[in-house]
Amino acid sequence: MLTEIWERCNTIEEGYEFMLAYAAQGLPSDHGSQRGDEVRGYLHRVRDAIAGLVETCGLAVKQEGLQPEQQYRAFFAVLDRDARDSLAAIELVLAQPAISSQLVDNLNASTHLRALLTDLFLVSEILKPQAAPAKPVNTG
């Protein structure tokens, strides 16, 4: 389950990085260029990664026995709000007949998407397996 969360986080982060590059190109539309053709694909993958993310996190808490469960659940309520808000913005962009670099730049600047990314950075760090302390090497 943790692997699925990391995969979703990576997909969202990769999509955001692509959208930063797309926004910098100054394209008037997503039609007629390789990057333009790719932007909808990235937006769809990001949308799909966000959908069900909170449920996946909730299952991980149960399966991994993470404690204190109440604090995880409280944070996942925040994650849920940010995910739903981000999904609404992404769906609005996808509904447009043309996706310009400026439109994507505005999406990237959205506080909703930025909040979601920050949430994901926190979740990724917390759920990261803790490295075992290194054993001293016997040289003698």
N, C-alpha and C. Protein backbone atom coordinates (compact mmCIF):
# COMPACT_ATOMS: atom_id res chain seq x y z
N MET A 1 0.82 -1.19 0.00
CA MET A 1 0.00 0.00 0.00
C MET A 1 0.87 1.26 0.00
N LEU A 2 1.97 1.22 0.75
CA LEU A 2 2.87 2.38 0.78
C LEU A 2 3.46 2.63 -0.60
N THR A 3 3.77 1.57 -1.31
CA THR A 3 4.31 1.72 -2.66
C THR A 3 3.31 2.45 -3.56
N GLU A 4 2.04 2.12 -3.44
CA GLU A 4 1.03 2.80 -4.25
C GLU A 4 0.96 4.29 -3.91
N ILE A 5 1.09 4.63 -2.64
CA ILE A 5 1.07 6.04 -2.25
C ILE A 5 2.27 6.76 -2.87
N TRP A 6 3.46 6.16 -2.78
CA TRP A 6 4.65 6.80 -3.36
C TRP A 6 4.51 6.93 -4.88
N GLU A 7 3.94 5.93 -5.53
CA GLU A 7 3.73 6.02 -6.98
C GLU A 7 2.78 7.16 -7.32
N ARG A 8 1.70 7.29 -6.56
CA ARG A 8 0.76 8.39 -6.79
C ARG A 8 1.45 9.74 -6.57
N CYS A 9 2.21 9.85 -5.49
CA CYS A 9 2.94 11.09 -5.21
C CYS A 9 3.91 11.42 -6.34
N ASN A 10 4.66 10.43 -6.79
CA ASN A 10 5.62 10.65 -7.88
C ASN A 10 4.92 11.08 -9.16
N THR A 11 3.79 10.47 -9.47
CA THR A 11 3.04 10.84 -10.68
C THR A 11 2.59 12.30 -10.60
N ILE A 12 2.09 12.70 -9.44
CA ILE A 12 1.64 14.08 -9.27
C ILE A 12 2.82 15.05 -9.36
N GLU A 13 3.93 14.72 -8.71
CA GLU A 13 5.10 15.59 -8.76
C GLU A 13 5.68 15.67 -10.17
N GLU A 14 5.75 14.56 -10.88
CA GLU A 14 6.25 14.57 -12.26
C GLU A 14 5.34 15.40 -13.16
N GLY A 15 4.04 15.27 -12.96
CA GLY A 15 3.09 16.07 -13.73
C GLY A 15 3.27 17.55 -13.47
N TYR A 16 3.47 17.91 -12.22
CA TYR A 16 3.68 19.31 -11.88
C TYR A 16 4.96 19.83 -12.54
N GLU A 17 6.02 19.04 -12.50
CA GLU A 17 7.28 19.45 -13.14
C GLU A 17 7.09 19.64 -14.64
N PHE A 18 6.35 18.73 -15.29
CA PHE A 18 6.08 18.89 -16.71
C PHE A 18 5.30 20.18 -16.95
N MET A 19 4.31 20.43 -16.10
CA MET A 19 3.48 21.62 -16.29
C MET A 19 4.29 22.91 -16.10
N LEU A 20 5.29 22.89 -15.22
CA LEU A 20 6.17 24.05 -15.08
C LEU A 20 6.91 24.31 -16.40
N ALA A 21 7.42 23.25 -17.01
CA ALA A 21 8.13 23.39 -18.29
C ALA A 21 7.17 23.84 -19.39
N TYR A 22 5.97 23.29 -19.40
CA TYR A 22 4.97 23.66 -20.41
C TYR A 22 4.61 25.14 -20.27
N ALA A 23 4.42 25.58 -19.04
CA ALA A 23 4.04 26.98 -18.80
C ALA A 23 5.12 27.93 -19.30
N ALA A 24 6.37 27.52 -19.22
CA ALA A 24 7.47 28.38 -19.63
C ALA A 24 7.61 28.51 -21.14
N GLN A 25 6.92 27.70 -21.91
CA GLN A 25 7.08 27.70 -23.36
C GLN A 25 6.27 28.78 -24.07
N GLY A 26 5.31 29.35 -23.42
CA GLY A 26 4.53 30.42 -24.05
C GLY A 26 3.64 29.96 -25.19
N LEU A 27 3.15 28.72 -25.12
CA LEU A 27 2.30 28.19 -26.19
C LEU A 27 0.87 28.72 -26.07
N PRO A 28 0.27 29.13 -27.19
CA PRO A 28 -1.10 29.64 -27.14
C PRO A 28 -2.15 28.53 -27.02
N SER A 29 -1.74 27.30 -27.31
CA SER A 29 -2.68 26.18 -27.32
C SER A 29 -1.92 24.87 -27.17
N ASP A 30 -2.65 23.82 -26.82
CA ASP A 30 -2.04 22.50 -26.73
C ASP A 30 -2.10 21.77 -28.07
N HIS A 31 -2.55 22.42 -29.10
CA HIS A 31 -2.66 21.80 -30.41
C HIS A 31 -1.44 22.14 -31.26
N GLY A 32 -0.88 21.12 -31.90
CA GLY A 32 0.15 21.34 -32.89
C GLY A 32 1.59 21.30 -32.42
N SER A 33 1.85 20.96 -31.19
CA SER A 33 3.24 20.80 -30.75
C SER A 33 3.33 19.54 -29.90
N GLN A 34 4.53 18.98 -29.83
CA GLN A 34 4.70 17.75 -29.03
C GLN A 34 4.35 18.00 -27.57
N ARG A 35 4.84 19.09 -27.00
CA ARG A 35 4.54 19.41 -25.61
C ARG A 35 3.05 19.62 -25.41
N GLY A 36 2.43 20.29 -26.37
CA GLY A 36 0.99 20.51 -26.29
C GLY A 36 0.22 19.22 -26.29
N ASP A 37 0.66 18.28 -27.09
CA ASP A 37 -0.01 16.98 -27.14
C ASP A 37 0.16 16.21 -25.83
N GLU A 38 1.26 16.46 -25.14
CA GLU A 38 1.55 15.74 -23.90
C GLU A 38 0.83 16.31 -22.69
N VAL A 39 0.49 17.59 -22.71
CA VAL A 39 -0.03 18.24 -21.50
C VAL A 39 -1.32 17.60 -21.02
N ARG A 40 -2.22 17.24 -21.93
CA ARG A 40 -3.47 16.60 -21.51
C ARG A 40 -3.20 15.22 -20.89
N GLY A 41 -2.25 14.50 -21.45
CA GLY A 41 -1.89 13.20 -20.89
C GLY A 41 -1.38 13.33 -19.46
N TYR A 42 -0.51 14.31 -19.23
CA TYR A 42 -0.01 14.53 -17.88
C TYR A 42 -1.13 14.94 -16.94
N LEU A 43 -2.01 15.83 -17.40
CA LEU A 43 -3.12 16.26 -16.55
C LEU A 43 -4.04 15.09 -16.21
N HIS A 44 -4.27 14.20 -17.16
CA HIS A 44 -5.10 13.01 -16.89
C HIS A 44 -4.42 12.09 -15.87
N ARG A 45 -3.12 11.89 -16.01
CA ARG A 45 -2.40 11.03 -15.06
C ARG A 45 -2.40 11.64 -13.66
N VAL A 46 -2.21 12.95 -13.58
CA VAL A 46 -2.25 13.62 -12.28
C VAL A 46 -3.64 13.49 -11.68
N ARG A 47 -4.65 13.72 -12.48
CA ARG A 47 -6.03 13.58 -12.00
C ARG A 47 -6.27 12.18 -11.45
N ASP A 48 -5.85 11.18 -12.20
CA ASP A 48 -6.06 9.79 -11.78
C ASP A 48 -5.28 9.45 -10.51
N ALA A 49 -4.09 10.03 -10.37
CA ALA A 49 -3.28 9.78 -9.16
C ALA A 49 -3.90 10.43 -7.93
N ILE A 50 -4.53 11.57 -8.12
CA ILE A 50 -5.16 12.27 -7.00
C ILE A 50 -6.43 11.53 -6.57
N ALA A 51 -7.19 11.07 -7.56
CA ALA A 51 -8.45 10.36 -7.25
C ALA A 51 -8.14 9.09 -6.46
N GLY A 52 -8.69 8.95 -5.30
CA GLY A 52 -8.47 7.77 -4.48
C GLY A 52 -7.24 7.83 -3.59
N LEU A 53 -6.50 8.93 -3.65
CA LEU A 53 -5.28 9.05 -2.85
C LEU A 53 -5.58 8.97 -1.35
N VAL A 54 -6.58 9.69 -0.91
CA VAL A 54 -6.89 9.72 0.52
C VAL A 54 -7.34 8.35 1.01
N GLU A 55 -8.12 7.66 0.21
CA GLU A 55 -8.56 6.31 0.58
C GLU A 55 -7.37 5.37 0.70
N THR A 56 -6.43 5.50 -0.23
CA THR A 56 -5.22 4.68 -0.20
C THR A 56 -4.41 4.97 1.07
N CYS A 57 -4.30 6.23 1.43
CA CYS A 57 -3.59 6.60 2.65
C CYS A 57 -4.28 6.02 3.88
N GLY A 58 -5.61 6.07 3.90
CA GLY A 58 -6.36 5.51 5.03
C GLY A 58 -6.14 4.02 5.18
N LEU A 59 -6.12 3.31 4.06
CA LEU A 59 -5.85 1.87 4.10
C LEU A 59 -4.44 1.58 4.60
N ALA A 60 -3.50 2.42 4.20
CA ALA A 60 -2.11 2.23 4.64
C ALA A 60 -1.99 2.37 6.15
N VAL A 61 -2.72 3.31 6.72
CA VAL A 61 -2.68 3.49 8.17
C VAL A 61 -3.13 2.21 8.87
N LYS A 62 -4.19 1.61 8.36
CA LYS A 62 -4.69 0.36 8.96
C LYS A 62 -3.71 -0.79 8.73
N GLN A 63 -3.30 -0.98 7.47
CA GLN A 63 -2.43 -2.11 7.14
C GLN A 63 -1.07 -2.03 7.83
N GLU A 64 -0.54 -0.82 7.94
CA GLU A 64 0.79 -0.66 8.53
C GLU A 64 0.73 -0.47 10.05
N GLY A 65 -0.49 -0.32 10.58
CA GLY A 65 -0.64 -0.11 12.01
C GLY A 65 -0.02 1.19 12.49
N LEU A 66 -0.12 2.23 11.67
CA LEU A 66 0.51 3.50 12.01
C LEU A 66 -0.21 4.16 13.18
N GLN A 67 0.58 4.70 14.07
CA GLN A 67 0.04 5.34 15.28
C GLN A 67 0.69 6.71 15.45
N PRO A 68 0.01 7.63 16.02
CA PRO A 68 -1.37 7.59 16.50
C PRO A 68 -2.35 7.79 15.34
N GLU A 69 -3.24 6.85 15.19
CA GLU A 69 -4.15 6.83 14.06
C GLU A 69 -4.98 8.10 13.96
N GLN A 70 -5.39 8.65 15.08
CA GLN A 70 -6.24 9.85 15.08
C GLN A 70 -5.54 11.02 14.37
N GLN A 71 -4.24 11.19 14.59
CA GLN A 71 -3.52 12.28 13.94
C GLN A 71 -3.39 12.06 12.43
N TYR A 72 -3.19 10.81 12.03
CA TYR A 72 -3.16 10.52 10.60
C TYR A 72 -4.50 10.85 9.96
N ARG A 73 -5.56 10.41 10.58
CA ARG A 73 -6.90 10.64 10.04
C ARG A 73 -7.22 12.14 9.97
N ALA A 74 -6.81 12.88 10.98
CA ALA A 74 -7.05 14.33 10.97
C ALA A 74 -6.30 14.99 9.80
N PHE A 75 -5.06 14.57 9.57
CA PHE A 75 -4.32 15.14 8.45
C PHE A 75 -4.91 14.70 7.11
N PHE A 76 -5.38 13.47 7.04
CA PHE A 76 -5.96 13.00 5.78
C PHE A 76 -7.24 13.77 5.43
N ALA A 77 -7.91 14.33 6.43
CA ALA A 77 -9.06 15.20 6.15
C ALA A 77 -8.59 16.47 5.43
N VAL A 78 -7.44 16.99 5.83
CA VAL A 78 -6.85 18.15 5.16
C VAL A 78 -6.44 17.76 3.74
N LEU A 79 -5.77 16.62 3.62
CA LEU A 79 -5.35 16.11 2.32
C LEU A 79 -6.55 15.93 1.40
N ASP A 80 -7.65 15.44 1.93
CA ASP A 80 -8.86 15.24 1.14
C ASP A 80 -9.38 16.56 0.58
N ARG A 81 -9.44 17.59 1.41
CA ARG A 81 -9.91 18.90 0.94
C ARG A 81 -9.00 19.44 -0.16
N ASP A 82 -7.70 19.36 0.06
CA ASP A 82 -6.76 19.87 -0.93
C ASP A 82 -6.82 19.06 -2.22
N ALA A 83 -7.00 17.75 -2.10
CA ALA A 83 -7.11 16.89 -3.29
C ALA A 83 -8.37 17.22 -4.08
N ARG A 84 -9.50 17.37 -3.38
CA ARG A 84 -10.75 17.70 -4.07
C ARG A 84 -10.67 19.06 -4.76
N ASP A 85 -10.08 20.04 -4.09
CA ASP A 85 -9.93 21.37 -4.69
C ASP A 85 -9.02 21.32 -5.92
N SER A 86 -7.94 20.57 -5.82
CA SER A 86 -7.02 20.42 -6.95
C SER A 86 -7.68 19.71 -8.12
N LEU A 87 -8.44 18.67 -7.81
CA LEU A 87 -9.16 17.95 -8.87
C LEU A 87 -10.13 18.87 -9.60
N ALA A 88 -10.82 19.72 -8.87
CA ALA A 88 -11.76 20.65 -9.51
C ALA A 88 -11.02 21.58 -10.47
N ALA A 89 -9.86 22.08 -10.06
CA ALA A 89 -9.09 22.97 -10.93
C ALA A 89 -8.57 22.23 -12.16
N ILE A 90 -8.07 21.02 -11.96
CA ILE A 90 -7.54 20.23 -13.09
C ILE A 90 -8.66 19.88 -14.06
N GLU A 91 -9.81 19.49 -13.54
CA GLU A 91 -10.95 19.16 -14.41
C GLU A 91 -11.39 20.37 -15.21
N LEU A 92 -11.36 21.55 -14.61
CA LEU A 92 -11.73 22.76 -15.32
C LEU A 92 -10.76 23.03 -16.47
N VAL A 93 -9.47 22.85 -16.22
CA VAL A 93 -8.47 23.04 -17.27
C VAL A 93 -8.68 22.02 -18.38
N LEU A 94 -8.89 20.76 -18.01
CA LEU A 94 -9.10 19.71 -19.03
C LEU A 94 -10.36 19.95 -19.86
N ALA A 95 -11.33 20.65 -19.33
CA ALA A 95 -12.57 20.91 -20.05
C ALA A 95 -12.42 22.00 -21.12
N GLN A 96 -11.29 22.69 -21.12
CA GLN A 96 -11.10 23.78 -22.08
C GLN A 96 -10.72 23.23 -23.45
N PRO A 97 -11.22 23.87 -24.51
CA PRO A 97 -10.88 23.39 -25.86
C PRO A 97 -9.40 23.57 -26.21
N ALA A 98 -8.74 24.55 -25.59
CA ALA A 98 -7.31 24.78 -25.81
C ALA A 98 -6.66 25.03 -24.46
N ILE A 99 -5.52 24.41 -24.25
CA ILE A 99 -4.79 24.59 -23.00
C ILE A 99 -3.50 25.35 -23.32
N SER A 100 -3.49 26.63 -22.99
CA SER A 100 -2.33 27.47 -23.26
C SER A 100 -1.32 27.35 -22.12
N SER A 101 -0.12 27.80 -22.40
CA SER A 101 0.91 27.84 -21.35
C SER A 101 0.46 28.74 -20.21
N GLN A 102 -0.21 29.83 -20.53
CA GLN A 102 -0.67 30.76 -19.50
C GLN A 102 -1.70 30.09 -18.59
N LEU A 103 -2.60 29.30 -19.17
CA LEU A 103 -3.60 28.60 -18.38
C LEU A 103 -2.93 27.62 -17.42
N VAL A 104 -1.94 26.89 -17.91
CA VAL A 104 -1.21 25.94 -17.06
C VAL A 104 -0.40 26.69 -16.00
N ASP A 105 0.17 27.83 -16.37
CA ASP A 105 0.89 28.63 -15.39
C ASP A 105 -0.04 29.06 -14.26
N ASN A 106 -1.26 29.43 -14.60
CA ASN A 106 -2.24 29.80 -13.56
C ASN A 106 -2.62 28.60 -12.71
N LEU A 107 -2.75 27.43 -13.32
CA LEU A 107 -3.03 26.22 -12.56
C LEU A 107 -1.88 25.93 -11.61
N ASN A 108 -0.65 26.04 -12.10
CA ASN A 108 0.53 25.79 -11.26
C ASN A 108 0.57 26.75 -10.07
N ALA A 109 0.12 27.96 -10.27
CA ALA A 109 0.15 28.97 -9.21
C ALA A 109 -1.01 28.82 -8.23
N SER A 110 -1.95 27.98 -8.56
CA SER A 110 -3.11 27.78 -7.70
C SER A 110 -2.71 27.36 -6.30
N THR A 111 -3.27 28.02 -5.31
CA THR A 111 -2.97 27.65 -3.93
C THR A 111 -3.45 26.23 -3.64
N HIS A 112 -4.47 25.79 -4.36
CA HIS A 112 -4.99 24.44 -4.13
C HIS A 112 -3.95 23.38 -4.52
N LEU A 113 -3.39 23.55 -5.70
CA LEU A 113 -2.39 22.58 -6.18
C LEU A 113 -1.12 22.65 -5.34
N ARG A 114 -0.72 23.84 -4.97
CA ARG A 114 0.48 23.98 -4.14
C ARG A 114 0.27 23.37 -2.76
N ALA A 115 -0.92 23.55 -2.21
CA ALA A 115 -1.22 22.95 -0.90
C ALA A 115 -1.16 21.43 -1.01
N LEU A 116 -1.72 20.88 -2.09
CA LEU A 116 -1.69 19.44 -2.28
C LEU A 116 -0.25 18.93 -2.38
N LEU A 117 0.58 19.62 -3.15
CA LEU A 117 1.97 19.20 -3.28
C LEU A 117 2.68 19.23 -1.93
N THR A 118 2.44 20.27 -1.15
CA THR A 118 3.05 20.35 0.17
C THR A 118 2.56 19.21 1.06
N ASP A 119 1.27 18.91 0.99
CA ASP A 119 0.73 17.77 1.73
C ASP A 119 1.45 16.48 1.34
N LEU A 120 1.67 16.31 0.04
CA LEU A 120 2.31 15.09 -0.44
C LEU A 120 3.75 14.98 0.00
N PHE A 121 4.45 16.11 0.05
CA PHE A 121 5.83 16.10 0.54
C PHE A 121 5.85 15.62 1.99
N LEU A 122 4.91 16.10 2.78
CA LEU A 122 4.81 15.71 4.18
C LEU A 122 4.48 14.23 4.30
N VAL A 123 3.48 13.77 3.56
CA VAL A 123 3.07 12.36 3.60
C VAL A 123 4.23 11.46 3.17
N SER A 124 4.89 11.82 2.09
CA SER A 124 6.01 11.01 1.59
C SER A 124 7.11 10.88 2.63
N GLU A 125 7.42 11.98 3.28
CA GLU A 125 8.49 11.96 4.27
C GLU A 125 8.10 11.13 5.49
N ILE A 126 6.86 11.27 5.94
CA ILE A 126 6.41 10.53 7.12
C ILE A 126 6.32 9.04 6.85
N LEU A 127 5.86 8.67 5.66
CA LEU A 127 5.67 7.26 5.35
C LEU A 127 6.93 6.59 4.82
N LYS A 128 7.97 7.37 4.62
CA LYS A 128 9.25 6.82 4.15
C LYS A 128 9.77 5.84 5.20
N PRO A 129 10.23 4.67 4.75
CA PRO A 129 10.79 3.74 5.74
C PRO A 129 11.98 4.38 6.44
N GLN A 130 12.00 4.22 7.72
CA GLN A 130 13.10 4.78 8.50
C GLN A 130 14.32 3.89 8.31
N ALA A 131 15.42 4.50 7.94
CA ALA A 131 16.65 3.74 7.73
C ALA A 131 17.16 3.23 9.08
N ALA A 132 17.60 2.00 9.06
CA ALA A 132 18.17 1.41 10.28
C ALA A 132 19.52 2.06 10.54
N PRO A 133 19.84 2.29 11.80
CA PRO A 133 21.15 2.89 12.09
C PRO A 133 22.26 1.96 11.61
N ALA A 134 23.30 2.58 11.09
CA ALA A 134 24.44 1.80 10.59
C ALA A 134 25.14 1.11 11.75
N LYS A 135 25.55 -0.12 11.48
CA LYS A 135 26.30 -0.87 12.49
C LYS A 135 27.77 -0.47 12.40
N PRO A 136 28.42 -0.34 13.54
CA PRO A 136 29.83 0.01 13.49
C PRO A 136 30.62 -1.11 12.79
N VAL A 137 31.59 -0.71 12.04
CA VAL A 137 32.43 -1.66 11.34
C VAL A 137 33.59 -2.04 12.25
N ASN A 138 33.79 -3.34 12.40
CA ASN A 138 34.89 -3.84 13.23
C ASN A 138 36.16 -3.89 12.37
N THR A 139 37.09 -3.04 12.67
CA THR A 139 38.33 -2.98 11.88
C THR A 139 39.48 -3.69 12.55
N GLY A 140 39.24 -4.29 13.65
CA GLY A 140 40.35 -4.81 14.40
C GLY A 140 40.38 -6.23 14.54
